[in-house]
Amino acid sequence: MLGFILRRLVSGVVLIFVISVIAYSLLYLGGGDIARRILGQSATAETVAKKSAELGLDRPLPVQYVDWLTSAFQGDLGRSWFTGQLVSSGVSGRLAVTLSIVLGATIIAAIVSVILGVLAARRGGWIDNVVQFISVIGFAIPSFLIALVLVITFAINLRLFKATGYIPITTSFPGWVASVTLPIIALAIGAIATVSQQVRGSVVDAMSKDYVRTLRSRGLGTNRVIYKHVLRNAGGPALAVLAVQFIGLLGGAVIIEQIFALPGIGQLAVQATTSGDIPIVMGVVIATAIIVVVVNLLIDLAQAALNPKVRLS
């Protein structure tokens, strides 16, 4: 198991390195005259040249990247070009908001998907058709449209939730729940549509295996067979799809945070990209890559626990 973890960690580090190289190159090569963008069009050529030298932009791109990478390994991602705030502080302060809605949506999607998938696989017939119909509708409707419907219905018309804003959990737990409920639901519906279909297919396939018939012939009840044995074997593919959905939810959070005015990492990325604040954008990219690597490692470990063959692959 230790070798399995080390291989995954090494591949994760390589992935983060490759992403950083590509992101850094694209941002700087496509950024145009960065110093002039910071100072404005009215700045003199001398002032622009001085600003470029101050930011180290007058050096070759590989040298700039090596310096950035060296500082990043020491935990220093630089400072915002516009606010002077440490990138690490700015990103970490926003990360909790994004993770709260993405993790919440992932947990809800996992629970509801297992319930719907098992129900559709076990009952079949009209129940299976209804579950599949709901899944298709949930998959077809974009999350931003679902978010708008939720805001109009539950925030504006029924006044059960606030339409926008975020309350930290340290300030008020009920307020935090009220501020993240609608964003979580808006994100979770699309994930439920995909994961529930995977769970259903995996359960149907597992229930046709010989070991299930053997367990039933020994007098084990259907519920015990499904929840103790079938789900264990069907869990691997479902976890893989759930991990992909988690990564997708990180991207979807960018739009959801804009709709609900949540101060998350997605909103920060949009603001930094619009203004050309490359250090902030790089901080967001690296933070997101690390989250993706950690999630994939956890999913791999869960799959290895469910299926020992994974550890040998």
Protein backbone atom coordinates (compact mmCIF):
# COMPACT_ATOMS: atom_id res chain seq x y z
CA MET A 1 0.00 0.00 0.00
CA LEU A 2 2.88 2.38 0.77
CA GLY A 3 4.29 1.92 -2.73
CA PHE A 4 0.82 2.55 -4.17
CA ILE A 5 0.57 5.85 -2.27
CA LEU A 6 4.09 6.93 -3.25
CA ARG A 7 3.38 6.29 -6.95
CA ARG A 8 0.22 8.39 -6.75
CA LEU A 9 2.04 11.18 -4.91
CA VAL A 10 4.87 11.28 -7.45
CA SER A 11 2.42 11.39 -10.37
CA GLY A 12 0.50 14.15 -8.56
CA VAL A 13 3.64 16.27 -8.09
CA VAL A 14 4.55 15.82 -11.77
CA LEU A 15 1.03 16.86 -12.77
CA ILE A 16 1.18 20.02 -10.66
CA PHE A 17 4.58 20.88 -12.16
CA VAL A 18 3.32 20.44 -15.73
CA ILE A 19 0.22 22.52 -15.01
CA SER A 20 2.33 25.30 -13.49
CA VAL A 21 4.63 25.41 -16.53
CA ILE A 22 1.73 25.57 -18.98
CA ALA A 23 -0.27 28.11 -16.97
CA TYR A 24 2.76 30.35 -16.34
CA SER A 25 3.77 30.34 -19.98
CA LEU A 26 0.27 31.03 -21.31
CA LEU A 27 -0.38 33.83 -18.82
CA TYR A 28 2.86 35.68 -19.46
CA LEU A 29 3.04 35.12 -23.21
CA GLY A 30 -0.57 36.20 -23.67
CA GLY A 31 -0.49 39.01 -21.14
CA GLY A 32 0.83 41.68 -23.50
CA ASP A 33 2.50 44.69 -21.89
CA ILE A 34 1.77 43.72 -18.29
CA ALA A 35 3.45 46.76 -16.72
CA ARG A 36 1.40 49.16 -18.86
CA ARG A 37 -1.79 47.33 -17.97
CA ILE A 38 -0.99 47.84 -14.30
CA LEU A 39 -0.01 51.53 -14.62
CA GLY A 40 -2.56 52.52 -17.25
CA GLN A 41 -2.27 53.86 -20.78
CA SER A 42 -1.25 57.33 -19.58
CA ALA A 43 1.99 56.08 -18.00
CA THR A 44 5.25 57.15 -19.60
CA ALA A 45 7.61 54.68 -21.26
CA GLU A 46 10.18 55.31 -18.54
CA THR A 47 7.67 54.53 -15.78
CA VAL A 48 6.55 51.38 -17.59
CA ALA A 49 10.15 50.19 -17.99
CA LYS A 50 10.82 50.85 -14.30
CA LYS A 51 7.70 48.88 -13.32
CA SER A 52 8.70 45.99 -15.57
CA ALA A 53 12.12 45.85 -13.92
CA GLU A 54 10.51 46.03 -10.47
CA LEU A 55 8.32 43.03 -11.27
CA GLY A 56 11.18 41.16 -12.94
CA LEU A 57 9.39 41.15 -16.28
CA ASP A 58 12.48 42.33 -18.13
CA ARG A 59 14.17 38.97 -17.62
CA PRO A 60 13.76 35.86 -19.85
CA LEU A 61 10.60 33.89 -19.19
CA PRO A 62 12.41 30.67 -18.06
CA VAL A 63 14.35 32.70 -15.47
CA GLN A 64 11.12 34.27 -14.20
CA TYR A 65 9.49 30.83 -13.91
CA VAL A 66 12.44 29.30 -12.04
CA ASP A 67 12.38 32.18 -9.55
CA TRP A 68 8.62 31.80 -9.08
CA LEU A 69 8.93 28.02 -8.68
CA THR A 70 11.73 28.39 -6.12
CA SER A 71 9.64 30.81 -4.07
CA ALA A 72 6.55 28.58 -4.43
CA PHE A 73 8.44 25.61 -2.95
CA GLN A 74 9.17 27.83 0.04
CA GLY A 75 5.49 28.69 0.41
CA ASP A 76 5.78 32.14 -1.15
CA LEU A 77 3.48 32.61 -4.16
CA GLY A 78 4.20 36.32 -4.38
CA ARG A 79 1.93 39.33 -3.95
CA SER A 80 -0.98 40.73 -5.87
CA TRP A 81 0.14 43.35 -8.37
CA PHE A 82 -2.85 45.54 -7.59
CA THR A 83 -3.52 45.17 -3.85
CA GLY A 84 -0.12 44.08 -2.55
CA GLN A 85 -1.80 41.25 -0.61
CA LEU A 86 0.05 37.96 -0.24
CA VAL A 87 -1.26 35.50 -2.81
CA SER A 88 -1.28 32.66 -0.26
CA SER A 89 -3.43 34.73 2.12
CA GLY A 90 -5.81 35.85 -0.59
CA VAL A 91 -6.32 32.36 -1.99
CA SER A 92 -6.60 30.56 1.37
CA GLY A 93 -9.14 33.11 2.59
CA ARG A 94 -11.37 32.37 -0.41
CA LEU A 95 -10.74 28.63 -0.53
CA ALA A 96 -12.93 27.83 2.48
CA VAL A 97 -15.96 29.35 0.75
CA THR A 98 -15.51 27.34 -2.43
CA LEU A 99 -14.73 24.08 -0.64
CA SER A 100 -17.79 24.48 1.60
CA ILE A 101 -20.16 24.50 -1.37
CA VAL A 102 -18.23 21.98 -3.50
CA LEU A 103 -17.80 19.45 -0.68
CA GLY A 104 -21.40 19.98 0.37
CA ALA A 105 -22.61 19.37 -3.18
CA THR A 106 -20.38 16.29 -3.49
CA ILE A 107 -21.65 14.75 -0.23
CA ILE A 108 -25.28 15.36 -1.16
CA ALA A 109 -24.68 14.01 -4.66
CA ALA A 110 -23.08 10.84 -3.24
CA ILE A 111 -25.91 10.17 -0.78
CA VAL A 112 -28.79 10.92 -3.15
CA SER A 113 -27.13 9.09 -6.05
CA VAL A 114 -26.72 5.89 -4.01
CA ILE A 115 -30.36 6.06 -2.93
CA LEU A 116 -31.69 6.71 -6.45
CA GLY A 117 -29.28 4.30 -8.14
CA VAL A 118 -30.02 1.40 -5.80
CA LEU A 119 -33.77 2.12 -5.94
CA ALA A 120 -33.77 2.14 -9.75
CA ALA A 121 -31.65 -1.02 -9.99
CA ARG A 122 -33.60 -2.92 -7.36
CA ARG A 123 -37.17 -1.97 -8.25
CA GLY A 124 -36.90 -1.50 -12.01
CA GLY A 125 -40.09 -0.82 -13.97
CA TRP A 126 -41.69 2.59 -13.69
CA ILE A 127 -39.46 3.58 -10.76
CA ASP A 128 -36.39 2.98 -12.90
CA ASN A 129 -37.93 5.02 -15.72
CA VAL A 130 -38.75 7.91 -13.38
CA VAL A 131 -35.24 7.95 -11.91
CA GLN A 132 -33.67 7.91 -15.36
CA PHE A 133 -36.00 10.68 -16.55
CA ILE A 134 -35.09 12.83 -13.54
CA SER A 135 -31.40 12.16 -14.20
CA VAL A 136 -31.69 13.21 -17.85
CA ILE A 137 -33.48 16.43 -16.88
CA GLY A 138 -30.92 17.19 -14.19
CA PHE A 139 -28.06 16.57 -16.61
CA ALA A 140 -29.59 18.68 -19.40
CA ILE A 141 -30.35 21.81 -17.37
CA PRO A 142 -27.21 23.93 -16.72
CA SER A 143 -26.35 24.73 -13.12
CA PHE A 144 -26.57 28.50 -13.60
CA LEU A 145 -30.20 28.17 -14.76
CA ILE A 146 -31.00 25.98 -11.77
CA ALA A 147 -29.35 28.59 -9.55
CA LEU A 148 -31.49 31.39 -11.01
CA VAL A 149 -34.68 29.36 -10.51
CA LEU A 150 -33.69 28.62 -6.91
CA VAL A 151 -32.99 32.30 -6.22
CA ILE A 152 -36.31 33.45 -7.71
CA THR A 153 -38.32 30.73 -5.96
CA PHE A 154 -36.77 30.36 -2.52
CA ALA A 155 -35.02 33.69 -2.01
CA ILE A 156 -37.17 36.29 -3.77
CA ASN A 157 -40.68 34.77 -3.73
CA LEU A 158 -40.68 32.63 -0.57
CA ARG A 159 -37.95 34.60 1.24
CA LEU A 160 -36.59 31.45 2.88
CA PHE A 161 -32.97 32.21 1.99
CA LYS A 162 -30.85 35.24 1.15
CA ALA A 163 -30.42 35.77 -2.57
CA THR A 164 -26.74 36.72 -2.28
CA GLY A 165 -23.94 36.95 0.25
CA TYR A 166 -21.95 34.64 2.48
CA ILE A 167 -21.85 34.30 6.26
CA PRO A 168 -18.76 32.52 7.68
CA ILE A 169 -19.46 29.47 9.82
CA THR A 170 -17.43 31.05 12.62
CA THR A 171 -19.83 34.00 12.70
CA SER A 172 -23.12 32.13 12.65
CA PHE A 173 -23.72 28.46 11.85
CA PRO A 174 -27.42 28.93 10.94
CA GLY A 175 -26.44 31.92 8.82
CA TRP A 176 -23.73 29.88 7.10
CA VAL A 177 -26.20 27.09 6.34
CA ALA A 178 -28.67 29.61 4.93
CA SER A 179 -26.02 31.19 2.70
CA VAL A 180 -24.68 27.94 1.19
CA THR A 181 -27.85 25.84 0.87
CA LEU A 182 -29.02 27.17 -2.51
CA PRO A 183 -25.52 27.16 -4.09
CA ILE A 184 -24.98 23.58 -2.91
CA ILE A 185 -28.30 22.43 -4.37
CA ALA A 186 -27.60 24.21 -7.65
CA LEU A 187 -24.25 22.43 -7.95
CA ALA A 188 -25.42 19.04 -6.69
CA ILE A 189 -28.29 18.44 -9.12
CA GLY A 190 -26.09 17.95 -12.17
CA ALA A 191 -23.71 15.68 -10.25
CA ILE A 192 -26.63 13.59 -8.95
CA ALA A 193 -27.87 13.08 -12.52
CA THR A 194 -24.52 11.61 -13.60
CA VAL A 195 -23.48 9.65 -10.51
CA SER A 196 -26.90 8.06 -9.95
CA GLN A 197 -26.80 6.57 -13.45
CA GLN A 198 -23.34 5.13 -12.76
CA VAL A 199 -24.52 3.66 -9.45
CA ARG A 200 -27.57 2.16 -11.12
CA GLY A 201 -25.52 0.57 -13.91
CA SER A 202 -22.91 -0.77 -11.51
CA VAL A 203 -25.52 -2.25 -9.16
CA VAL A 204 -27.43 -3.87 -12.04
CA ASP A 205 -24.20 -5.40 -13.33
CA ALA A 206 -23.12 -6.60 -9.87
CA MET A 207 -26.52 -8.17 -9.12
CA SER A 208 -26.18 -10.40 -12.18
CA LYS A 209 -22.96 -11.97 -10.85
CA ASP A 210 -22.76 -15.52 -9.57
CA TYR A 211 -21.75 -14.51 -6.04
CA VAL A 212 -25.05 -12.64 -5.61
CA ARG A 213 -27.06 -15.71 -6.53
CA THR A 214 -24.92 -17.74 -4.15
CA LEU A 215 -25.53 -15.31 -1.28
CA ARG A 216 -29.26 -15.34 -1.94
CA SER A 217 -29.31 -19.13 -2.04
CA ARG A 218 -27.85 -19.08 1.48
CA GLY A 219 -30.88 -17.17 2.71
CA LEU A 220 -29.40 -13.64 2.93
CA GLY A 221 -31.95 -10.87 2.54
CA THR A 222 -31.91 -8.57 -0.47
CA ASN A 223 -31.05 -5.49 1.56
CA ARG A 224 -28.10 -7.19 3.20
CA VAL A 225 -26.80 -8.49 -0.13
CA ILE A 226 -27.07 -5.07 -1.76
CA TYR A 227 -25.74 -2.85 0.99
CA LYS A 228 -23.03 -5.19 2.31
CA HIS A 229 -21.77 -6.89 -0.84
CA VAL A 230 -23.13 -5.39 -4.06
CA LEU A 231 -22.36 -1.76 -3.21
CA ARG A 232 -18.83 -2.70 -2.22
CA ASN A 233 -18.19 -4.12 -5.69
CA ALA A 234 -20.13 -1.37 -7.46
CA GLY A 235 -18.48 1.40 -5.47
CA GLY A 236 -15.25 1.61 -7.49
CA PRO A 237 -16.72 2.92 -10.77
CA ALA A 238 -19.11 5.18 -8.86
CA LEU A 239 -16.23 6.71 -6.88
CA ALA A 240 -14.31 7.37 -10.10
CA VAL A 241 -17.29 9.22 -11.57
CA LEU A 242 -17.79 11.09 -8.29
CA ALA A 243 -14.16 12.27 -8.42
CA VAL A 244 -14.67 13.56 -11.96
CA GLN A 245 -17.83 15.32 -10.81
CA PHE A 246 -15.95 16.94 -7.92
CA ILE A 247 -13.44 18.40 -10.36
CA GLY A 248 -16.31 19.57 -12.54
CA LEU A 249 -17.99 21.17 -9.54
CA LEU A 250 -14.83 23.22 -8.89
CA GLY A 251 -15.25 24.68 -12.35
CA GLY A 252 -19.00 25.11 -11.94
CA ALA A 253 -18.44 26.97 -8.68
CA VAL A 254 -17.02 29.89 -10.69
CA ILE A 255 -20.46 30.64 -12.17
CA ILE A 256 -22.39 29.81 -9.00
CA GLU A 257 -20.22 32.14 -6.93
CA GLN A 258 -20.94 34.95 -9.36
CA ILE A 259 -24.70 34.38 -9.19
CA PHE A 260 -24.85 34.20 -5.39
CA ALA A 261 -22.08 36.78 -4.84
CA LEU A 262 -19.99 34.33 -2.82
CA PRO A 263 -16.40 35.44 -2.07
CA GLY A 264 -14.90 32.16 -3.21
CA ILE A 265 -11.88 31.17 -5.23
CA GLY A 266 -13.89 31.18 -8.45
CA GLN A 267 -14.92 34.80 -8.00
CA LEU A 268 -11.29 35.65 -7.17
CA ALA A 269 -10.11 33.94 -10.37
CA VAL A 270 -12.57 35.90 -12.49
CA GLN A 271 -11.55 39.21 -10.91
CA ALA A 272 -7.83 38.47 -11.19
CA THR A 273 -8.12 37.33 -14.82
CA THR A 274 -10.12 40.42 -15.76
CA SER A 275 -7.59 42.77 -14.18
CA GLY A 276 -4.54 40.79 -15.33
CA ASP A 277 -3.32 39.99 -11.81
CA ILE A 278 -1.17 37.04 -12.85
CA PRO A 279 0.27 36.14 -9.39
CA ILE A 280 -3.29 35.70 -8.07
CA VAL A 281 -4.29 33.64 -11.11
CA MET A 282 -1.26 31.39 -10.64
CA GLY A 283 -2.12 30.98 -6.97
CA VAL A 284 -5.65 29.91 -7.89
CA VAL A 285 -4.36 27.48 -10.53
CA ILE A 286 -1.87 25.84 -8.16
CA ALA A 287 -4.41 25.63 -5.30
CA THR A 288 -6.94 24.02 -7.63
CA ALA A 289 -4.36 21.56 -8.98
CA ILE A 290 -3.37 20.53 -5.45
CA ILE A 291 -7.02 19.97 -4.51
CA VAL A 292 -7.56 17.83 -7.61
CA VAL A 293 -4.46 15.73 -6.86
CA VAL A 294 -5.49 15.22 -3.21
CA VAL A 295 -9.04 14.24 -4.18
CA ASN A 296 -7.80 11.77 -6.79
CA LEU A 297 -5.40 10.27 -4.24
CA LEU A 298 -8.22 9.83 -1.71
CA ILE A 299 -10.43 8.24 -4.37
CA ASP A 300 -7.60 5.89 -5.37
CA LEU A 301 -7.14 4.87 -1.73
CA ALA A 302 -10.88 4.28 -1.36
CA GLN A 303 -10.93 2.17 -4.51
CA ALA A 304 -7.90 0.24 -3.31
CA ALA A 305 -9.68 -0.47 -0.03
CA LEU A 306 -12.76 -1.71 -1.94
CA ASN A 307 -10.81 -3.66 -4.54
CA PRO A 308 -7.29 -4.97 -3.73
CA LYS A 309 -6.63 -5.48 -7.44
CA VAL A 310 -6.36 -1.71 -7.82
CA ARG A 311 -3.26 -1.72 -5.62
CA LEU A 312 -1.57 -4.08 -8.03
CA SER A 313 -2.40 -2.10 -11.18
